[in-house]
Amino acid sequence: MRRWLAVLIALAAGALGGCFFGNKDRAAVRPSGPPLAGVVGEDVVYLDVAVLERPYGDAFLNHEFWKEADEEVVHIENEPTVSLERKTALEKNGFRVGQIGNLLPSKLHDLLTSERSCQTRRIQLHAGHATFLPCGPPWPQCHYRLFRNDRVTALTFDKAQCELEVVPSLAGEGRICLRFTPRLKHGEMEAAFVPTRDANGVFRWDRQEQQAEEVYSWLGWTLTLVPNEYAVLGALVENGDTLGEQFFLTREEDHPILQRLLVLRATHVPTPVREDLGRCPPIALRANLMTARGYGK
């Protein structure tokens, strides 16, 4: 029985990974990431993450693609209605946020299944835990204008790394809410002892190298995804001097400017703990397996 359940879980992981960007007529992407057994519990969430890179000013990333996406989806945590105020603040600061249904536009799918244009990975974590997604390589020096209320502030940071903090939570009926917070680390690395929590929720003190950090909670937003729906994040490209453009553009010496689009899908996969391996798989796990198989056909 234990061997049978282990095989079933492995099949579920393979089906979910193989069909991230696939349908019956298209090739599948198989995201890399930690094995299924890495995190266990009833609240395990998979984040499938793809980063698409194109030349700066690409017409598809800037115009054509967004005609297929729903950009009226930005919420503030615990608020049931769309926040036009937060959406406006994000746009002023160069962020573009949307959602797209389970059938991806054919050109986007082709780009996402191209090894030259796209990198993919899979992240496992418990609901309520944070993961951090680096957005491009570090900036030797990062310049941008920050728009807040009616004020504009010019900022410069050395050795800056842009990243998005993402925290998933279960929203019922298979839905997953993702909370995003832009963060920017900068400056020299310094050693510090900090409390950390491992994948199973156990706290301990750990020595880490840290940088100073700017946390833009007032620009944070949430999106709620149903199964096989995608969050899409990119830059509203203008003059290259907004915070969002620092997240999604890359300027390296002697290299052309690149523009990125971040695509995420979230899946709730309850994973039994070791002592439960002799039991019948839970209904939720079987349902996820059937959903994954059906979508990948």
C-alpha atoms as a PDB file:
ATOM      1  CA  MET A   1       0.000   0.000   0.000  1.00  0.00           C
ATOM      2  CA  ARG A   2       2.819   2.393   0.851  1.00  0.00           C
ATOM      3  CA  ARG A   3       4.526   1.722  -2.446  1.00  0.00           C
ATOM      4  CA  TRP A   4       1.228   2.271  -4.302  1.00  0.00           C
ATOM      5  CA  LEU A   5       0.659   5.622  -2.597  1.00  0.00           C
ATOM      6  CA  ALA A   6       4.212   6.760  -3.283  1.00  0.00           C
ATOM      7  CA  VAL A   7       3.694   5.985  -6.974  1.00  0.00           C
ATOM      8  CA  LEU A   8       0.371   7.868  -6.955  1.00  0.00           C
ATOM      9  CA  ILE A   9       1.951  10.966  -5.412  1.00  0.00           C
ATOM     10  CA  ALA A  10       4.805  10.865  -7.905  1.00  0.00           C
ATOM     11  CA  LEU A  11       2.297  10.653 -10.763  1.00  0.00           C
ATOM     12  CA  ALA A  12       0.437  13.645  -9.364  1.00  0.00           C
ATOM     13  CA  ALA A  13       3.657  15.676  -9.207  1.00  0.00           C
ATOM     14  CA  GLY A  14       4.608  14.703 -12.741  1.00  0.00           C
ATOM     15  CA  ALA A  15       1.176  15.526 -14.101  1.00  0.00           C
ATOM     16  CA  LEU A  16       1.100  18.929 -12.444  1.00  0.00           C
ATOM     17  CA  GLY A  17       4.605  19.745 -13.642  1.00  0.00           C
ATOM     18  CA  GLY A  18       4.176  18.444 -17.163  1.00  0.00           C
ATOM     19  CA  CYS A  19       0.997  20.374 -17.879  1.00  0.00           C
ATOM     20  CA  PHE A  20       2.048  23.781 -16.550  1.00  0.00           C
ATOM     21  CA  PHE A  21       1.970  25.349 -20.009  1.00  0.00           C
ATOM     22  CA  GLY A  22       0.596  22.433 -21.997  1.00  0.00           C
ATOM     23  CA  ASN A  23      -2.613  21.237 -23.554  1.00  0.00           C
ATOM     24  CA  LYS A  24      -3.400  18.335 -25.849  1.00  0.00           C
ATOM     25  CA  ASP A  25      -2.064  20.159 -28.909  1.00  0.00           C
ATOM     26  CA  ARG A  26       1.048  21.690 -27.393  1.00  0.00           C
ATOM     27  CA  ALA A  27       4.329  20.541 -25.934  1.00  0.00           C
ATOM     28  CA  ALA A  28       4.627  20.576 -22.156  1.00  0.00           C
ATOM     29  CA  VAL A  29       7.089  22.378 -19.927  1.00  0.00           C
ATOM     30  CA  ARG A  30       8.481  20.407 -17.005  1.00  0.00           C
ATOM     31  CA  PRO A  31       9.464  22.875 -14.283  1.00  0.00           C
ATOM     32  CA  SER A  32      12.404  21.929 -12.112  1.00  0.00           C
ATOM     33  CA  GLY A  33      12.136  22.166  -8.344  1.00  0.00           C
ATOM     34  CA  PRO A  34      12.285  20.285  -5.065  1.00  0.00           C
ATOM     35  CA  PRO A  35      10.771  16.785  -4.973  1.00  0.00           C
ATOM     36  CA  LEU A  36       7.223  16.256  -3.798  1.00  0.00           C
ATOM     37  CA  ALA A  37       8.353  14.667  -0.535  1.00  0.00           C
ATOM     38  CA  GLY A  38      10.132  17.867   0.551  1.00  0.00           C
ATOM     39  CA  VAL A  39       7.073  19.416   2.217  1.00  0.00           C
ATOM     40  CA  VAL A  40       4.149  17.488   3.713  1.00  0.00           C
ATOM     41  CA  GLY A  41       0.811  18.462   5.209  1.00  0.00           C
ATOM     42  CA  GLU A  42      -2.731  19.364   4.283  1.00  0.00           C
ATOM     43  CA  ASP A  43      -1.792  22.931   3.336  1.00  0.00           C
ATOM     44  CA  VAL A  44       1.006  22.296   0.811  1.00  0.00           C
ATOM     45  CA  VAL A  45       1.028  24.705  -2.133  1.00  0.00           C
ATOM     46  CA  TYR A  46       2.989  24.388  -5.367  1.00  0.00           C
ATOM     47  CA  LEU A  47       4.055  27.565  -7.149  1.00  0.00           C
ATOM     48  CA  ASP A  48       5.036  27.000 -10.757  1.00  0.00           C
ATOM     49  CA  VAL A  49       7.064  30.032 -11.837  1.00  0.00           C
ATOM     50  CA  ALA A  50       8.169  30.973 -15.343  1.00  0.00           C
ATOM     51  CA  VAL A  51      10.301  33.965 -16.325  1.00  0.00           C
ATOM     52  CA  LEU A  52      10.025  35.023 -19.952  1.00  0.00           C
ATOM     53  CA  GLU A  53      12.753  37.266 -21.408  1.00  0.00           C
ATOM     54  CA  ARG A  54      12.424  39.307 -24.593  1.00  0.00           C
ATOM     55  CA  PRO A  55      14.224  42.310 -26.130  1.00  0.00           C
ATOM     56  CA  TYR A  56      13.349  45.692 -24.666  1.00  0.00           C
ATOM     57  CA  GLY A  57      10.248  47.221 -26.213  1.00  0.00           C
ATOM     58  CA  ASP A  58       8.929  43.867 -27.464  1.00  0.00           C
ATOM     59  CA  ALA A  59       5.501  44.561 -29.015  1.00  0.00           C
ATOM     60  CA  PHE A  60       3.951  41.334 -27.738  1.00  0.00           C
ATOM     61  CA  LEU A  61       4.972  41.858 -24.089  1.00  0.00           C
ATOM     62  CA  ASN A  62       4.002  45.512 -24.121  1.00  0.00           C
ATOM     63  CA  HIS A  63       0.784  45.507 -26.136  1.00  0.00           C
ATOM     64  CA  GLU A  64      -0.539  42.334 -27.756  1.00  0.00           C
ATOM     65  CA  PHE A  65      -0.357  40.067 -24.727  1.00  0.00           C
ATOM     66  CA  TRP A  66      -2.178  42.438 -22.367  1.00  0.00           C
ATOM     67  CA  LYS A  67      -5.233  42.445 -24.639  1.00  0.00           C
ATOM     68  CA  GLU A  68      -5.715  38.821 -23.531  1.00  0.00           C
ATOM     69  CA  ALA A  69      -5.190  39.486 -19.809  1.00  0.00           C
ATOM     70  CA  ASP A  70      -7.579  40.820 -17.163  1.00  0.00           C
ATOM     71  CA  GLU A  71      -5.905  43.755 -15.428  1.00  0.00           C
ATOM     72  CA  GLU A  72      -8.869  44.606 -13.182  1.00  0.00           C
ATOM     73  CA  VAL A  73      -7.818  42.062 -10.554  1.00  0.00           C
ATOM     74  CA  VAL A  74      -5.681  43.939  -8.019  1.00  0.00           C
ATOM     75  CA  HIS A  75      -6.952  43.575  -4.448  1.00  0.00           C
ATOM     76  CA  ILE A  76      -5.722  44.741  -1.060  1.00  0.00           C
ATOM     77  CA  GLU A  77      -5.554  41.944   1.496  1.00  0.00           C
ATOM     78  CA  ASN A  78      -8.916  41.159   3.138  1.00  0.00           C
ATOM     79  CA  GLU A  79     -10.748  43.569   0.820  1.00  0.00           C
ATOM     80  CA  PRO A  80     -13.401  41.826  -1.340  1.00  0.00           C
ATOM     81  CA  THR A  81     -13.481  44.376  -4.164  1.00  0.00           C
ATOM     82  CA  VAL A  82     -10.870  45.398  -6.707  1.00  0.00           C
ATOM     83  CA  SER A  83      -8.732  48.314  -5.487  1.00  0.00           C
ATOM     84  CA  LEU A  84      -8.518  50.917  -8.223  1.00  0.00           C
ATOM     85  CA  GLU A  85      -6.403  53.076  -5.920  1.00  0.00           C
ATOM     86  CA  ARG A  86      -3.760  50.347  -5.508  1.00  0.00           C
ATOM     87  CA  LYS A  87      -3.881  49.539  -9.232  1.00  0.00           C
ATOM     88  CA  THR A  88      -3.217  53.214  -9.997  1.00  0.00           C
ATOM     89  CA  ALA A  89      -0.323  53.320  -7.511  1.00  0.00           C
ATOM     90  CA  LEU A  90       1.213  50.227  -9.134  1.00  0.00           C
ATOM     91  CA  GLU A  91       0.894  51.695 -12.611  1.00  0.00           C
ATOM     92  CA  LYS A  92       2.448  55.008 -11.556  1.00  0.00           C
ATOM     93  CA  ASN A  93       5.388  53.004 -10.221  1.00  0.00           C
ATOM     94  CA  GLY A  94       5.779  50.956 -13.386  1.00  0.00           C
ATOM     95  CA  PHE A  95       4.117  47.636 -12.410  1.00  0.00           C
ATOM     96  CA  ARG A  96       1.641  45.826 -14.631  1.00  0.00           C
ATOM     97  CA  VAL A  97      -0.457  43.069 -13.013  1.00  0.00           C
ATOM     98  CA  GLY A  98      -3.018  40.734 -14.563  1.00  0.00           C
ATOM     99  CA  GLN A  99      -4.582  37.290 -14.681  1.00  0.00           C
ATOM    100  CA  ILE A 100      -5.234  34.964 -17.577  1.00  0.00           C
ATOM    101  CA  GLY A 101      -7.393  31.845 -17.906  1.00  0.00           C
ATOM    102  CA  ASN A 102      -6.298  28.261 -18.363  1.00  0.00           C
ATOM    103  CA  LEU A 103      -5.979  28.543 -22.158  1.00  0.00           C
ATOM    104  CA  LEU A 104      -2.875  30.601 -22.817  1.00  0.00           C
ATOM    105  CA  PRO A 105      -2.602  32.703 -25.991  1.00  0.00           C
ATOM    106  CA  SER A 106      -0.747  30.598 -28.550  1.00  0.00           C
ATOM    107  CA  LYS A 107       2.160  33.027 -28.942  1.00  0.00           C
ATOM    108  CA  LEU A 108       2.643  33.268 -25.173  1.00  0.00           C
ATOM    109  CA  HIS A 109       2.574  29.486 -24.920  1.00  0.00           C
ATOM    110  CA  ASP A 110       5.177  29.166 -27.672  1.00  0.00           C
ATOM    111  CA  LEU A 111       7.479  31.625 -25.918  1.00  0.00           C
ATOM    112  CA  LEU A 112       7.022  29.897 -22.563  1.00  0.00           C
ATOM    113  CA  THR A 113       7.923  26.521 -24.053  1.00  0.00           C
ATOM    114  CA  SER A 114      11.055  27.936 -25.683  1.00  0.00           C
ATOM    115  CA  GLU A 115      14.257  27.093 -23.811  1.00  0.00           C
ATOM    116  CA  ARG A 116      15.899  30.220 -25.263  1.00  0.00           C
ATOM    117  CA  SER A 117      13.222  32.607 -23.965  1.00  0.00           C
ATOM    118  CA  CYS A 118      11.981  31.060 -20.737  1.00  0.00           C
ATOM    119  CA  GLN A 119      13.214  29.683 -17.412  1.00  0.00           C
ATOM    120  CA  THR A 120      10.900  27.651 -15.171  1.00  0.00           C
ATOM    121  CA  ARG A 121      11.009  26.385 -11.608  1.00  0.00           C
ATOM    122  CA  ARG A 122       8.708  24.838  -9.013  1.00  0.00           C
ATOM    123  CA  ILE A 123       8.469  25.904  -5.382  1.00  0.00           C
ATOM    124  CA  GLN A 124       6.835  23.906  -2.570  1.00  0.00           C
ATOM    125  CA  LEU A 125       5.746  25.590   0.646  1.00  0.00           C
ATOM    126  CA  HIS A 126       3.055  25.641   3.290  1.00  0.00           C
ATOM    127  CA  ALA A 127       0.180  28.088   2.968  1.00  0.00           C
ATOM    128  CA  GLY A 128       0.983  31.208   4.984  1.00  0.00           C
ATOM    129  CA  HIS A 129       4.745  30.885   4.396  1.00  0.00           C
ATOM    130  CA  ALA A 130       6.699  33.329   2.244  1.00  0.00           C
ATOM    131  CA  THR A 131       8.923  32.648  -0.721  1.00  0.00           C
ATOM    132  CA  PHE A 132      11.111  35.282  -2.393  1.00  0.00           C
ATOM    133  CA  LEU A 133      11.446  35.543  -6.159  1.00  0.00           C
ATOM    134  CA  PRO A 134      14.541  37.454  -7.360  1.00  0.00           C
ATOM    135  CA  CYS A 135      13.684  39.663 -10.322  1.00  0.00           C
ATOM    136  CA  GLY A 136      16.666  39.644 -12.627  1.00  0.00           C
ATOM    137  CA  PRO A 137      20.348  40.013 -11.753  1.00  0.00           C
ATOM    138  CA  PRO A 138      21.541  42.560  -9.153  1.00  0.00           C
ATOM    139  CA  TRP A 139      21.939  46.170 -10.219  1.00  0.00           C
ATOM    140  CA  PRO A 140      25.431  47.636  -9.624  1.00  0.00           C
ATOM    141  CA  GLN A 141      23.573  50.904  -9.094  1.00  0.00           C
ATOM    142  CA  CYS A 142      19.796  51.201  -9.121  1.00  0.00           C
ATOM    143  CA  HIS A 143      18.135  54.557  -9.929  1.00  0.00           C
ATOM    144  CA  TYR A 144      14.386  55.136  -9.882  1.00  0.00           C
ATOM    145  CA  ARG A 145      11.676  57.615  -9.038  1.00  0.00           C
ATOM    146  CA  LEU A 146       9.141  56.534  -6.431  1.00  0.00           C
ATOM    147  CA  PHE A 147       5.584  57.879  -6.734  1.00  0.00           C
ATOM    148  CA  ARG A 148       3.572  57.918  -3.496  1.00  0.00           C
ATOM    149  CA  ASN A 149       0.465  60.023  -3.054  1.00  0.00           C
ATOM    150  CA  ASP A 150       1.392  63.341  -4.679  1.00  0.00           C
ATOM    151  CA  ARG A 151       5.119  63.098  -3.964  1.00  0.00           C
ATOM    152  CA  VAL A 152       7.917  61.947  -6.243  1.00  0.00           C
ATOM    153  CA  THR A 153      11.208  60.835  -4.658  1.00  0.00           C
ATOM    154  CA  ALA A 154      14.393  60.087  -6.593  1.00  0.00           C
ATOM    155  CA  LEU A 155      16.305  57.154  -5.074  1.00  0.00           C
ATOM    156  CA  THR A 156      19.667  55.522  -5.764  1.00  0.00           C
ATOM    157  CA  PHE A 157      20.984  52.313  -4.198  1.00  0.00           C
ATOM    158  CA  ASP A 158      24.227  50.439  -4.838  1.00  0.00           C
ATOM    159  CA  LYS A 159      24.363  46.639  -5.238  1.00  0.00           C
ATOM    160  CA  ALA A 160      20.588  46.359  -5.382  1.00  0.00           C
ATOM    161  CA  GLN A 161      18.543  43.187  -5.813  1.00  0.00           C
ATOM    162  CA  CYS A 162      14.844  43.465  -6.665  1.00  0.00           C
ATOM    163  CA  GLU A 163      12.633  40.644  -5.442  1.00  0.00           C
ATOM    164  CA  LEU A 164       8.971  39.838  -4.891  1.00  0.00           C
ATOM    165  CA  GLU A 165       7.810  38.320  -1.627  1.00  0.00           C
ATOM    166  CA  VAL A 166       4.956  35.895  -2.355  1.00  0.00           C
ATOM    167  CA  VAL A 167       2.742  34.398   0.369  1.00  0.00           C
ATOM    168  CA  PRO A 168       0.041  31.892  -0.668  1.00  0.00           C
ATOM    169  CA  SER A 169      -3.078  31.195   1.375  1.00  0.00           C
ATOM    170  CA  LEU A 170      -5.965  28.776   0.844  1.00  0.00           C
ATOM    171  CA  ALA A 171      -9.181  30.547  -0.152  1.00  0.00           C
ATOM    172  CA  GLY A 172     -11.529  27.565  -0.384  1.00  0.00           C
ATOM    173  CA  GLU A 173     -13.030  25.681  -3.340  1.00  0.00           C
ATOM    174  CA  GLY A 174      -9.567  25.093  -4.805  1.00  0.00           C
ATOM    175  CA  ARG A 175      -8.745  28.798  -4.951  1.00  0.00           C
ATOM    176  CA  ILE A 176      -5.403  30.170  -3.774  1.00  0.00           C
ATOM    177  CA  CYS A 177      -4.768  33.773  -2.793  1.00  0.00           C
ATOM    178  CA  LEU A 178      -1.272  35.109  -3.519  1.00  0.00           C
ATOM    179  CA  ARG A 179      -0.010  38.163  -1.624  1.00  0.00           C
ATOM    180  CA  PHE A 180       2.796  40.062  -3.376  1.00  0.00           C
ATOM    181  CA  THR A 181       5.132  42.611  -1.762  1.00  0.00           C
ATOM    182  CA  PRO A 182       7.928  44.366  -3.721  1.00  0.00           C
ATOM    183  CA  ARG A 183      11.253  44.426  -1.851  1.00  0.00           C
ATOM    184  CA  LEU A 184      14.672  45.803  -2.730  1.00  0.00           C
ATOM    185  CA  LYS A 185      17.859  44.663  -0.973  1.00  0.00           C
ATOM    186  CA  HIS A 186      20.946  46.842  -1.314  1.00  0.00           C
ATOM    187  CA  GLY A 187      24.427  47.610  -0.024  1.00  0.00           C
ATOM    188  CA  GLU A 188      27.140  45.430   1.452  1.00  0.00           C
ATOM    189  CA  MET A 189      26.409  42.050   3.003  1.00  0.00           C
ATOM    190  CA  GLU A 190      26.557  41.924   6.811  1.00  0.00           C
ATOM    191  CA  ALA A 191      26.404  38.896   9.119  1.00  0.00           C
ATOM    192  CA  ALA A 192      23.481  38.613  11.540  1.00  0.00           C
ATOM    193  CA  PHE A 193      21.732  35.912  13.608  1.00  0.00           C
ATOM    194  CA  VAL A 194      18.070  35.755  12.653  1.00  0.00           C
ATOM    195  CA  PRO A 195      15.136  33.467  13.517  1.00  0.00           C
ATOM    196  CA  THR A 196      14.247  31.253  10.567  1.00  0.00           C
ATOM    197  CA  ARG A 197      11.496  28.732   9.967  1.00  0.00           C
ATOM    198  CA  ASP A 198      12.103  25.595   7.926  1.00  0.00           C
ATOM    199  CA  ALA A 199       9.668  23.975   5.509  1.00  0.00           C
ATOM    200  CA  ASN A 200       7.912  22.167   8.376  1.00  0.00           C
ATOM    201  CA  GLY A 201       7.393  25.324  10.425  1.00  0.00           C
ATOM    202  CA  VAL A 202      10.173  24.752  12.997  1.00  0.00           C
ATOM    203  CA  PHE A 203      11.940  27.934  14.191  1.00  0.00           C
ATOM    204  CA  ARG A 204      15.664  28.155  14.884  1.00  0.00           C
ATOM    205  CA  TRP A 205      18.422  30.783  15.007  1.00  0.00           C
ATOM    206  CA  ASP A 206      20.558  30.905  11.926  1.00  0.00           C
ATOM    207  CA  ARG A 207      23.589  32.965  10.906  1.00  0.00           C
ATOM    208  CA  GLN A 208      22.917  34.753   7.643  1.00  0.00           C
ATOM    209  CA  GLU A 209      24.514  37.328   5.426  1.00  0.00           C
ATOM    210  CA  GLN A 210      22.054  40.179   5.030  1.00  0.00           C
ATOM    211  CA  GLN A 211      21.689  43.471   3.202  1.00  0.00           C
ATOM    212  CA  ALA A 212      19.738  46.579   4.036  1.00  0.00           C
ATOM    213  CA  GLU A 213      16.232  46.357   2.613  1.00  0.00           C
ATOM    214  CA  GLU A 214      13.448  48.584   1.334  1.00  0.00           C
ATOM    215  CA  VAL A 215      10.019  46.958   1.770  1.00  0.00           C
ATOM    216  CA  TYR A 216       7.185  48.543  -0.221  1.00  0.00           C
ATOM    217  CA  SER A 217       4.199  47.141   1.670  1.00  0.00           C
ATOM    218  CA  TRP A 218       2.076  50.091   0.559  1.00  0.00           C
ATOM    219  CA  LEU A 219       2.474  48.802  -3.015  1.00  0.00           C
ATOM    220  CA  GLY A 220       1.572  45.217  -2.083  1.00  0.00           C
ATOM    221  CA  TRP A 221      -1.402  43.493  -3.677  1.00  0.00           C
ATOM    222  CA  THR A 222      -3.233  40.174  -3.726  1.00  0.00           C
ATOM    223  CA  LEU A 223      -4.569  38.000  -6.542  1.00  0.00           C
ATOM    224  CA  THR A 224      -6.854  34.987  -6.149  1.00  0.00           C
ATOM    225  CA  LEU A 225      -6.389  32.164  -8.644  1.00  0.00           C
ATOM    226  CA  VAL A 226      -8.712  29.289  -9.447  1.00  0.00           C
ATOM    227  CA  PRO A 227      -7.131  25.988 -10.590  1.00  0.00           C
ATOM    228  CA  ASN A 228      -5.190  26.349 -13.855  1.00  0.00           C
ATOM    229  CA  GLU A 229      -5.396  30.141 -13.859  1.00  0.00           C
ATOM    230  CA  TYR A 230      -2.259  32.269 -14.166  1.00  0.00           C
ATOM    231  CA  ALA A 231      -0.940  35.454 -12.581  1.00  0.00           C
ATOM    232  CA  VAL A 232       1.129  37.603 -14.957  1.00  0.00           C
ATOM    233  CA  LEU A 233       3.442  40.391 -13.805  1.00  0.00           C
ATOM    234  CA  GLY A 234       5.498  42.785 -15.862  1.00  0.00           C
ATOM    235  CA  ALA A 235       6.608  46.368 -16.374  1.00  0.00           C
ATOM    236  CA  LEU A 236       4.673  49.312 -17.695  1.00  0.00           C
ATOM    237  CA  VAL A 237       7.525  50.486 -19.912  1.00  0.00           C
ATOM    238  CA  GLU A 238       8.001  54.243 -20.189  1.00  0.00           C
ATOM    239  CA  ASN A 239      11.271  56.026 -19.407  1.00  0.00           C
ATOM    240  CA  GLY A 240      13.048  53.223 -17.544  1.00  0.00           C
ATOM    241  CA  ASP A 241      13.094  55.154 -14.268  1.00  0.00           C
ATOM    242  CA  THR A 242      10.243  53.582 -12.263  1.00  0.00           C
ATOM    243  CA  LEU A 243      10.494  50.899  -9.591  1.00  0.00           C
ATOM    244  CA  GLY A 244       8.589  48.393 -11.732  1.00  0.00           C
ATOM    245  CA  GLU A 245      11.038  48.868 -14.580  1.00  0.00           C
ATOM    246  CA  GLN A 246      13.918  48.092 -12.203  1.00  0.00           C
ATOM    247  CA  PHE A 247      12.139  44.812 -11.397  1.00  0.00           C
ATOM    248  CA  PHE A 248      11.421  43.746 -14.962  1.00  0.00           C
ATOM    249  CA  LEU A 249      14.138  45.316 -17.113  1.00  0.00           C
ATOM    250  CA  THR A 250      17.813  44.347 -17.243  1.00  0.00           C
ATOM    251  CA  ARG A 251      20.607  46.632 -18.420  1.00  0.00           C
ATOM    252  CA  GLU A 252      24.023  45.007 -18.495  1.00  0.00           C
ATOM    253  CA  GLU A 253      27.140  46.548 -19.988  1.00  0.00           C
ATOM    254  CA  ASP A 254      27.778  45.384 -23.560  1.00  0.00           C
ATOM    255  CA  HIS A 255      24.426  43.533 -23.613  1.00  0.00           C
ATOM    256  CA  PRO A 256      21.066  44.579 -25.070  1.00  0.00           C
ATOM    257  CA  ILE A 257      18.329  45.622 -22.647  1.00  0.00           C
ATOM    258  CA  LEU A 258      16.029  42.730 -21.777  1.00  0.00           C
ATOM    259  CA  GLN A 259      12.417  42.863 -20.650  1.00  0.00           C
ATOM    260  CA  ARG A 260      10.818  40.160 -18.476  1.00  0.00           C
ATOM    261  CA  LEU A 261       7.342  38.792 -17.843  1.00  0.00           C
ATOM    262  CA  LEU A 262       6.686  36.683 -14.739  1.00  0.00           C
ATOM    263  CA  VAL A 263       4.017  33.961 -15.008  1.00  0.00           C
ATOM    264  CA  LEU A 264       2.818  32.025 -11.955  1.00  0.00           C
ATOM    265  CA  ARG A 265       0.380  29.204 -11.331  1.00  0.00           C
ATOM    266  CA  ALA A 266      -0.564  27.971  -7.850  1.00  0.00           C
ATOM    267  CA  THR A 267      -1.865  24.506  -6.969  1.00  0.00           C
ATOM    268  CA  HIS A 268      -3.022  23.105  -3.619  1.00  0.00           C
ATOM    269  CA  VAL A 269      -1.707  19.545  -3.216  1.00  0.00           C
ATOM    270  CA  PRO A 270      -2.404  18.047   0.253  1.00  0.00           C
ATOM    271  CA  THR A 271       0.503  15.673   0.909  1.00  0.00           C
ATOM    272  CA  PRO A 272       0.185  12.972   3.611  1.00  0.00           C
ATOM    273  CA  VAL A 273       2.723  12.838   6.422  1.00  0.00           C
ATOM    274  CA  ARG A 274       4.928   9.766   6.679  1.00  0.00           C
ATOM    275  CA  GLU A 275       2.813   7.960   9.277  1.00  0.00           C
ATOM    276  CA  ASP A 276      -0.195   8.198   6.951  1.00  0.00           C
ATOM    277  CA  LEU A 277       1.485   6.452   4.027  1.00  0.00           C
ATOM    278  CA  GLY A 278      -0.304   3.173   4.762  1.00  0.00           C
ATOM    279  CA  ARG A 279      -3.721   4.757   4.444  1.00  0.00           C
ATOM    280  CA  CYS A 280      -5.871   5.421   1.426  1.00  0.00           C
ATOM    281  CA  PRO A 281      -4.996   8.751  -0.292  1.00  0.00           C
ATOM    282  CA  PRO A 282      -7.207  11.649   0.773  1.00  0.00           C
ATOM    283  CA  ILE A 283     -10.037  12.709  -1.539  1.00  0.00           C
ATOM    284  CA  ALA A 284      -8.393  16.100  -2.175  1.00  0.00           C
ATOM    285  CA  LEU A 285      -5.197  14.421  -3.400  1.00  0.00           C
ATOM    286  CA  ARG A 286      -7.153  12.141  -5.734  1.00  0.00           C
ATOM    287  CA  ALA A 287      -9.139  15.117  -7.017  1.00  0.00           C
ATOM    288  CA  ASN A 288      -5.922  17.046  -7.753  1.00  0.00           C
ATOM    289  CA  LEU A 289      -4.526  14.025  -9.568  1.00  0.00           C
ATOM    290  CA  MET A 290      -7.634  13.717 -11.750  1.00  0.00           C
ATOM    291  CA  THR A 291      -7.607  17.462 -12.472  1.00  0.00           C
ATOM    292  CA  ALA A 292      -3.935  17.387 -13.457  1.00  0.00           C
ATOM    293  CA  ARG A 293      -4.420  14.382 -15.728  1.00  0.00           C
ATOM    294  CA  GLY A 294      -7.481  15.891 -17.364  1.00  0.00           C
ATOM    295  CA  TYR A 295      -5.758  19.207 -18.062  1.00  0.00           C
ATOM    296  CA  GLY A 296      -2.682  17.513 -19.487  1.00  0.00           C
ATOM    297  CA  LYS A 297      -4.573  15.384 -22.025  1.00  0.00           C
END
